[in-house]
């Protein structure tokens, strides 16, 4: 049974890490201009916008490697809460045109990151199954 649990953890890590990393690569290619505008528009210092690289590049790479996965999951949880707070609050109680929650993608990212933070990386990781932070 343990190997199926470890395989499930691997699936969670690879799916979340891969999908979030697409967002980070886009920001690496196009720059953080949009994020800087959102952050400064909320009255926050522009330097905070660069935290998106931690949440959307570094943390997904940690998940994909299975190294410090709990920390990577925590970083993505924080990243998603900030994104929801700065960009998506107006959609919090709305439905999409298809009938689902307007923030179902963000909710799935948040919930999956929280699960990884609680579960750890599992055996199929650089840290193995006994590492404190994996």
N, C-alpha and C. Protein backbone atom coordinates (compact mmCIF):
# COMPACT_ATOMS: atom_id res chain seq x y z
N UNK A 1 0.81 -1.20 0.00
CA UNK A 1 0.00 0.00 0.00
C UNK A 1 0.85 1.26 0.00
N UNK A 2 1.99 1.24 0.70
CA UNK A 2 2.80 2.44 0.80
C UNK A 2 3.26 2.92 -0.57
N UNK A 3 3.59 2.01 -1.49
CA UNK A 3 4.07 2.45 -2.80
C UNK A 3 2.98 3.19 -3.57
N UNK A 4 1.70 2.82 -3.40
CA UNK A 4 0.64 3.56 -4.09
C UNK A 4 0.47 4.95 -3.47
N UNK A 5 0.67 5.07 -2.16
CA UNK A 5 0.61 6.39 -1.52
C UNK A 5 1.77 7.26 -2.02
N UNK A 6 2.94 6.67 -2.14
CA UNK A 6 4.09 7.42 -2.65
C UNK A 6 3.89 7.81 -4.10
N UNK A 7 3.29 6.93 -4.87
CA UNK A 7 3.00 7.24 -6.27
C UNK A 7 1.97 8.37 -6.36
N UNK A 8 0.97 8.36 -5.49
CA UNK A 8 -0.01 9.44 -5.45
C UNK A 8 0.63 10.77 -5.11
N UNK A 9 1.58 10.77 -4.17
CA UNK A 9 2.30 12.00 -3.83
C UNK A 9 3.11 12.50 -5.02
N UNK A 10 3.72 11.58 -5.75
CA UNK A 10 4.47 11.95 -6.94
C UNK A 10 3.56 12.60 -7.97
N UNK A 11 2.39 12.02 -8.19
CA UNK A 11 1.43 12.59 -9.15
C UNK A 11 1.05 14.02 -8.72
N UNK A 12 0.72 14.20 -7.46
CA UNK A 12 0.37 15.54 -6.97
C UNK A 12 1.50 16.52 -7.21
N UNK A 13 2.73 16.12 -6.86
CA UNK A 13 3.88 17.01 -7.01
C UNK A 13 4.15 17.37 -8.47
N UNK A 14 4.11 16.39 -9.35
CA UNK A 14 4.43 16.62 -10.76
C UNK A 14 3.35 17.46 -11.43
N UNK A 15 2.10 17.17 -11.16
CA UNK A 15 1.02 17.94 -11.77
C UNK A 15 1.04 19.39 -11.29
N UNK A 16 1.07 19.60 -9.97
CA UNK A 16 1.09 20.97 -9.46
C UNK A 16 2.37 21.70 -9.87
N UNK A 17 3.50 21.06 -9.68
CA UNK A 17 4.77 21.70 -10.03
C UNK A 17 4.83 22.06 -11.50
N UNK A 18 4.41 21.15 -12.37
CA UNK A 18 4.43 21.42 -13.80
C UNK A 18 3.49 22.54 -14.21
N UNK A 19 2.28 22.52 -13.69
CA UNK A 19 1.29 23.54 -14.08
C UNK A 19 1.67 24.92 -13.55
N UNK A 20 2.14 25.01 -12.33
CA UNK A 20 2.55 26.31 -11.78
C UNK A 20 3.80 26.82 -12.50
N UNK A 21 4.70 25.90 -12.85
CA UNK A 21 5.93 26.31 -13.53
C UNK A 21 5.64 26.97 -14.87
N UNK A 22 4.59 26.56 -15.57
CA UNK A 22 4.21 27.24 -16.82
C UNK A 22 3.96 28.72 -16.57
N UNK A 23 3.30 29.05 -15.47
CA UNK A 23 3.05 30.45 -15.12
C UNK A 23 4.36 31.18 -14.85
N UNK A 24 5.27 30.51 -14.14
CA UNK A 24 6.55 31.12 -13.83
C UNK A 24 7.40 31.35 -15.07
N UNK A 25 7.43 30.38 -15.98
CA UNK A 25 8.21 30.54 -17.22
C UNK A 25 7.64 31.69 -18.04
N UNK A 26 6.34 31.83 -18.07
CA UNK A 26 5.73 32.95 -18.77
C UNK A 26 6.20 34.28 -18.19
N UNK A 27 6.29 34.34 -16.87
CA UNK A 27 6.76 35.58 -16.23
C UNK A 27 8.24 35.80 -16.46
N UNK A 28 9.01 34.72 -16.57
CA UNK A 28 10.43 34.87 -16.91
C UNK A 28 10.59 35.41 -18.33
N UNK A 29 9.75 34.96 -19.24
CA UNK A 29 9.82 35.39 -20.64
C UNK A 29 9.31 36.82 -20.80
N UNK A 30 8.18 37.12 -20.20
CA UNK A 30 7.51 38.41 -20.42
C UNK A 30 7.81 39.45 -19.34
N UNK A 31 8.48 39.05 -18.26
CA UNK A 31 8.80 39.99 -17.19
C UNK A 31 7.66 40.15 -16.21
N UNK A 32 7.95 40.77 -15.08
CA UNK A 32 6.97 40.90 -14.01
C UNK A 32 6.13 42.18 -14.08
N UNK A 33 6.10 42.85 -15.23
CA UNK A 33 5.42 44.15 -15.34
C UNK A 33 4.00 44.15 -14.83
N UNK A 34 3.21 43.17 -15.25
CA UNK A 34 1.82 43.09 -14.81
C UNK A 34 1.75 42.94 -13.29
N UNK A 35 2.57 42.06 -12.75
CA UNK A 35 2.56 41.80 -11.31
C UNK A 35 2.99 43.05 -10.54
N UNK A 36 3.99 43.75 -11.04
CA UNK A 36 4.42 44.99 -10.39
C UNK A 36 3.26 45.98 -10.34
N UNK A 37 2.51 46.09 -11.43
CA UNK A 37 1.35 46.99 -11.45
C UNK A 37 0.30 46.61 -10.43
N UNK A 38 0.05 45.31 -10.30
CA UNK A 38 -0.95 44.85 -9.33
C UNK A 38 -0.48 45.12 -7.91
N UNK A 39 0.78 44.83 -7.64
CA UNK A 39 1.32 45.00 -6.29
C UNK A 39 1.35 46.48 -5.90
N UNK A 40 1.87 47.32 -6.79
CA UNK A 40 1.93 48.75 -6.46
C UNK A 40 0.54 49.37 -6.42
N UNK A 41 -0.38 48.84 -7.25
CA UNK A 41 -1.76 49.32 -7.22
C UNK A 41 -2.45 49.03 -5.89
N UNK A 42 -1.97 48.02 -5.20
CA UNK A 42 -2.52 47.68 -3.88
C UNK A 42 -1.79 48.43 -2.76
N UNK A 43 -0.87 49.32 -3.15
CA UNK A 43 -0.14 50.10 -2.16
C UNK A 43 1.04 49.40 -1.54
N UNK A 44 1.49 48.31 -2.16
CA UNK A 44 2.62 47.55 -1.63
C UNK A 44 3.89 47.91 -2.39
N UNK A 45 5.06 47.68 -1.81
CA UNK A 45 6.32 47.97 -2.50
C UNK A 45 6.50 47.09 -3.73
N UNK A 46 7.02 47.66 -4.79
CA UNK A 46 7.18 46.93 -6.06
C UNK A 46 8.08 45.71 -5.93
N UNK A 47 9.01 45.73 -4.99
CA UNK A 47 9.92 44.59 -4.81
C UNK A 47 9.17 43.31 -4.48
N UNK A 48 8.02 43.43 -3.85
CA UNK A 48 7.24 42.22 -3.51
C UNK A 48 6.80 41.46 -4.76
N UNK A 49 6.71 42.14 -5.89
CA UNK A 49 6.29 41.48 -7.12
C UNK A 49 7.27 40.39 -7.53
N UNK A 50 8.53 40.54 -7.16
CA UNK A 50 9.53 39.54 -7.54
C UNK A 50 9.38 38.25 -6.75
N UNK A 51 8.58 38.26 -5.72
CA UNK A 51 8.27 37.04 -4.99
C UNK A 51 7.53 36.03 -5.86
N UNK A 52 6.93 36.51 -6.94
CA UNK A 52 6.24 35.60 -7.86
C UNK A 52 7.21 34.58 -8.44
N UNK A 53 8.47 34.96 -8.59
CA UNK A 53 9.46 34.01 -9.10
C UNK A 53 9.75 32.90 -8.09
N UNK A 54 9.68 33.23 -6.82
CA UNK A 54 9.86 32.21 -5.79
C UNK A 54 8.67 31.25 -5.82
N UNK A 55 7.46 31.81 -5.92
CA UNK A 55 6.25 31.00 -5.89
C UNK A 55 5.94 30.25 -7.17
N UNK A 56 6.44 30.75 -8.31
CA UNK A 56 6.06 30.13 -9.58
C UNK A 56 7.24 29.54 -10.36
N UNK A 57 8.45 29.67 -9.83
CA UNK A 57 9.60 29.03 -10.46
C UNK A 57 10.32 28.14 -9.45
N UNK A 58 10.81 28.73 -8.36
CA UNK A 58 11.57 27.96 -7.37
C UNK A 58 10.72 26.88 -6.71
N UNK A 59 9.56 27.24 -6.18
CA UNK A 59 8.72 26.26 -5.47
C UNK A 59 8.30 25.10 -6.38
N UNK A 60 7.86 25.35 -7.63
CA UNK A 60 7.53 24.21 -8.50
C UNK A 60 8.73 23.30 -8.78
N UNK A 61 9.92 23.90 -8.91
CA UNK A 61 11.12 23.08 -9.13
C UNK A 61 11.40 22.21 -7.91
N UNK A 62 11.18 22.75 -6.71
CA UNK A 62 11.33 21.94 -5.49
C UNK A 62 10.35 20.77 -5.51
N UNK A 63 9.11 21.03 -5.92
CA UNK A 63 8.11 19.95 -5.97
C UNK A 63 8.48 18.90 -7.00
N UNK A 64 8.89 19.34 -8.17
CA UNK A 64 9.24 18.38 -9.23
C UNK A 64 10.40 17.49 -8.80
N UNK A 65 11.37 18.06 -8.10
CA UNK A 65 12.51 17.28 -7.62
C UNK A 65 12.17 16.46 -6.38
N UNK A 66 11.15 16.87 -5.66
CA UNK A 66 10.83 16.19 -4.41
C UNK A 66 11.82 16.54 -3.33
N UNK A 67 12.39 17.72 -3.42
CA UNK A 67 13.37 18.18 -2.45
C UNK A 67 12.78 19.38 -1.72
N UNK A 68 12.62 19.30 -0.41
CA UNK A 68 11.98 20.34 0.40
C UNK A 68 10.56 20.59 -0.12
N UNK A 69 9.85 19.53 -0.44
CA UNK A 69 8.51 19.64 -1.02
C UNK A 69 7.51 20.30 -0.09
N UNK A 70 7.64 20.05 1.20
CA UNK A 70 6.71 20.69 2.14
C UNK A 70 6.89 22.21 2.12
N UNK A 71 8.13 22.66 2.03
CA UNK A 71 8.41 24.09 1.94
C UNK A 71 7.90 24.63 0.60
N UNK A 72 8.14 23.88 -0.48
CA UNK A 72 7.62 24.28 -1.79
C UNK A 72 6.11 24.40 -1.78
N UNK A 73 5.45 23.44 -1.13
CA UNK A 73 3.99 23.50 -1.01
C UNK A 73 3.54 24.72 -0.22
N UNK A 74 4.22 25.02 0.88
CA UNK A 74 3.89 26.20 1.68
C UNK A 74 4.07 27.48 0.87
N UNK A 75 5.15 27.56 0.11
CA UNK A 75 5.38 28.75 -0.71
C UNK A 75 4.26 28.92 -1.72
N UNK A 76 3.81 27.83 -2.34
CA UNK A 76 2.72 27.93 -3.32
C UNK A 76 1.41 28.29 -2.63
N UNK A 77 1.17 27.78 -1.43
CA UNK A 77 -0.03 28.18 -0.68
C UNK A 77 -0.02 29.69 -0.47
N UNK A 78 1.10 30.22 -0.02
CA UNK A 78 1.21 31.67 0.20
C UNK A 78 1.04 32.42 -1.11
N UNK A 79 1.69 31.94 -2.17
CA UNK A 79 1.59 32.57 -3.49
C UNK A 79 0.14 32.62 -3.96
N UNK A 80 -0.60 31.54 -3.78
CA UNK A 80 -1.98 31.49 -4.23
C UNK A 80 -2.87 32.40 -3.38
N UNK A 81 -2.64 32.44 -2.08
CA UNK A 81 -3.42 33.34 -1.22
C UNK A 81 -3.18 34.80 -1.60
N UNK A 82 -1.94 35.14 -1.90
CA UNK A 82 -1.63 36.51 -2.33
C UNK A 82 -2.29 36.79 -3.68
N UNK A 83 -2.20 35.85 -4.61
CA UNK A 83 -2.82 36.04 -5.94
C UNK A 83 -4.33 36.21 -5.81
N UNK A 84 -4.95 35.38 -5.00
CA UNK A 84 -6.40 35.51 -4.80
C UNK A 84 -6.72 36.86 -4.16
N UNK A 85 -5.93 37.24 -3.17
CA UNK A 85 -6.18 38.50 -2.48
C UNK A 85 -5.98 39.73 -3.35
N UNK A 86 -4.98 39.70 -4.23
CA UNK A 86 -4.67 40.87 -5.04
C UNK A 86 -5.44 40.93 -6.36
N UNK A 87 -5.75 39.77 -6.93
CA UNK A 87 -6.30 39.75 -8.29
C UNK A 87 -7.72 39.20 -8.38
N UNK A 88 -8.06 38.25 -7.52
CA UNK A 88 -9.28 37.48 -7.73
C UNK A 88 -10.38 37.67 -6.69
N UNK A 89 -10.24 38.62 -5.79
CA UNK A 89 -11.25 38.77 -4.74
C UNK A 89 -12.65 39.01 -5.30
N UNK A 90 -12.74 39.70 -6.41
CA UNK A 90 -14.04 39.96 -7.01
C UNK A 90 -14.72 38.72 -7.55
N UNK A 91 -13.97 37.65 -7.73
CA UNK A 91 -14.51 36.40 -8.26
C UNK A 91 -14.77 35.36 -7.17
N UNK A 92 -14.46 35.69 -5.94
CA UNK A 92 -14.50 34.72 -4.85
C UNK A 92 -15.86 34.03 -4.72
N UNK A 93 -16.93 34.77 -4.90
CA UNK A 93 -18.27 34.20 -4.72
C UNK A 93 -19.03 34.14 -6.04
N UNK A 94 -18.31 33.94 -7.14
CA UNK A 94 -18.98 33.90 -8.44
C UNK A 94 -18.77 32.57 -9.14
N UNK A 95 -19.65 32.32 -10.08
CA UNK A 95 -19.55 31.12 -10.91
C UNK A 95 -19.04 31.51 -12.30
N UNK A 96 -18.35 30.58 -12.94
CA UNK A 96 -17.90 30.78 -14.31
C UNK A 96 -19.07 30.54 -15.26
N UNK A 97 -18.89 30.89 -16.52
CA UNK A 97 -19.93 30.67 -17.53
C UNK A 97 -20.29 29.19 -17.67
N UNK A 98 -19.35 28.31 -17.33
CA UNK A 98 -19.59 26.87 -17.44
C UNK A 98 -20.30 26.30 -16.23
N UNK A 99 -20.55 27.12 -15.21
CA UNK A 99 -21.28 26.67 -14.03
C UNK A 99 -20.41 26.34 -12.85
N UNK A 100 -19.10 26.19 -13.06
CA UNK A 100 -18.19 25.91 -11.95
C UNK A 100 -17.80 27.19 -11.23
N UNK A 101 -17.11 27.03 -10.13
CA UNK A 101 -16.61 28.17 -9.38
C UNK A 101 -15.63 28.95 -10.25
N UNK A 102 -15.72 30.25 -10.24
CA UNK A 102 -14.85 31.08 -11.06
C UNK A 102 -13.38 30.91 -10.69
N UNK A 103 -13.10 30.51 -9.47
CA UNK A 103 -11.72 30.33 -9.03
C UNK A 103 -11.35 28.86 -8.85
N UNK A 104 -11.96 27.99 -9.64
CA UNK A 104 -11.68 26.57 -9.42
C UNK A 104 -10.22 26.22 -9.69
N UNK A 105 -9.58 26.83 -10.67
CA UNK A 105 -8.17 26.55 -10.93
C UNK A 105 -7.31 27.01 -9.76
N UNK A 106 -7.55 28.24 -9.30
CA UNK A 106 -6.79 28.75 -8.16
C UNK A 106 -7.07 27.92 -6.91
N UNK A 107 -8.32 27.51 -6.73
CA UNK A 107 -8.68 26.67 -5.60
C UNK A 107 -8.00 25.31 -5.66
N UNK A 108 -7.92 24.74 -6.85
CA UNK A 108 -7.25 23.45 -7.00
C UNK A 108 -5.75 23.59 -6.74
N UNK A 109 -5.14 24.66 -7.25
CA UNK A 109 -3.72 24.90 -6.97
C UNK A 109 -3.49 25.05 -5.46
N UNK A 110 -4.33 25.82 -4.81
CA UNK A 110 -4.21 26.06 -3.38
C UNK A 110 -4.39 24.76 -2.59
N UNK A 111 -5.43 24.02 -2.89
CA UNK A 111 -5.70 22.77 -2.18
C UNK A 111 -4.63 21.71 -2.40
N UNK A 112 -4.13 21.60 -3.62
CA UNK A 112 -3.09 20.63 -3.92
C UNK A 112 -1.79 21.00 -3.21
N UNK A 113 -1.46 22.29 -3.21
CA UNK A 113 -0.25 22.74 -2.51
C UNK A 113 -0.36 22.46 -1.02
N UNK A 114 -1.53 22.69 -0.45
CA UNK A 114 -1.75 22.41 0.96
C UNK A 114 -1.59 20.91 1.25
N UNK A 115 -2.12 20.07 0.37
CA UNK A 115 -1.98 18.62 0.54
C UNK A 115 -0.52 18.20 0.50
N UNK A 116 0.25 18.74 -0.44
CA UNK A 116 1.68 18.40 -0.53
C UNK A 116 2.41 18.88 0.72
N UNK A 117 2.06 20.06 1.18
CA UNK A 117 2.68 20.59 2.39
C UNK A 117 2.44 19.64 3.57
N UNK A 118 1.26 19.07 3.66
CA UNK A 118 0.92 18.17 4.77
C UNK A 118 1.46 16.75 4.58
N UNK A 119 1.47 16.27 3.33
CA UNK A 119 1.86 14.90 3.05
C UNK A 119 3.36 14.70 2.86
N UNK A 120 4.05 15.70 2.35
CA UNK A 120 5.45 15.53 2.00
C UNK A 120 5.61 14.91 0.63
N UNK A 121 6.84 14.66 0.24
CA UNK A 121 7.16 14.22 -1.11
C UNK A 121 6.94 12.74 -1.35
N UNK A 122 7.13 11.92 -0.35
CA UNK A 122 7.06 10.49 -0.55
C UNK A 122 8.40 9.93 -1.00
N UNK A 123 8.40 8.64 -1.28
CA UNK A 123 9.64 7.92 -1.60
C UNK A 123 10.25 8.34 -2.93
N UNK A 124 9.43 8.70 -3.90
CA UNK A 124 9.93 9.02 -5.24
C UNK A 124 10.35 10.49 -5.30
N UNK A 125 11.46 10.77 -4.64
CA UNK A 125 11.93 12.14 -4.53
C UNK A 125 13.43 12.14 -4.29
N UNK A 126 14.05 13.30 -4.46
CA UNK A 126 15.47 13.43 -4.16
C UNK A 126 15.75 13.25 -2.69
N UNK A 127 14.78 13.61 -1.87
CA UNK A 127 14.97 13.53 -0.42
C UNK A 127 14.64 12.17 0.16
N UNK A 128 14.06 11.26 -0.63
CA UNK A 128 13.64 9.97 -0.08
C UNK A 128 12.43 10.13 0.84
N UNK A 129 12.05 9.07 1.51
CA UNK A 129 10.85 9.14 2.34
C UNK A 129 11.13 9.53 3.78
N UNK A 130 12.39 9.61 4.17
CA UNK A 130 12.69 9.89 5.57
C UNK A 130 13.17 11.31 5.83
N UNK A 131 13.30 12.11 4.77
CA UNK A 131 13.80 13.47 4.94
C UNK A 131 12.79 14.34 5.68
N UNK A 132 13.28 15.22 6.51
CA UNK A 132 12.42 16.06 7.32
C UNK A 132 11.58 17.01 6.49
N UNK A 133 12.15 17.60 5.44
CA UNK A 133 11.47 18.64 4.71
C UNK A 133 10.87 18.18 3.38
N UNK A 134 10.97 16.91 3.03
CA UNK A 134 10.50 16.49 1.71
C UNK A 134 9.09 16.06 1.68
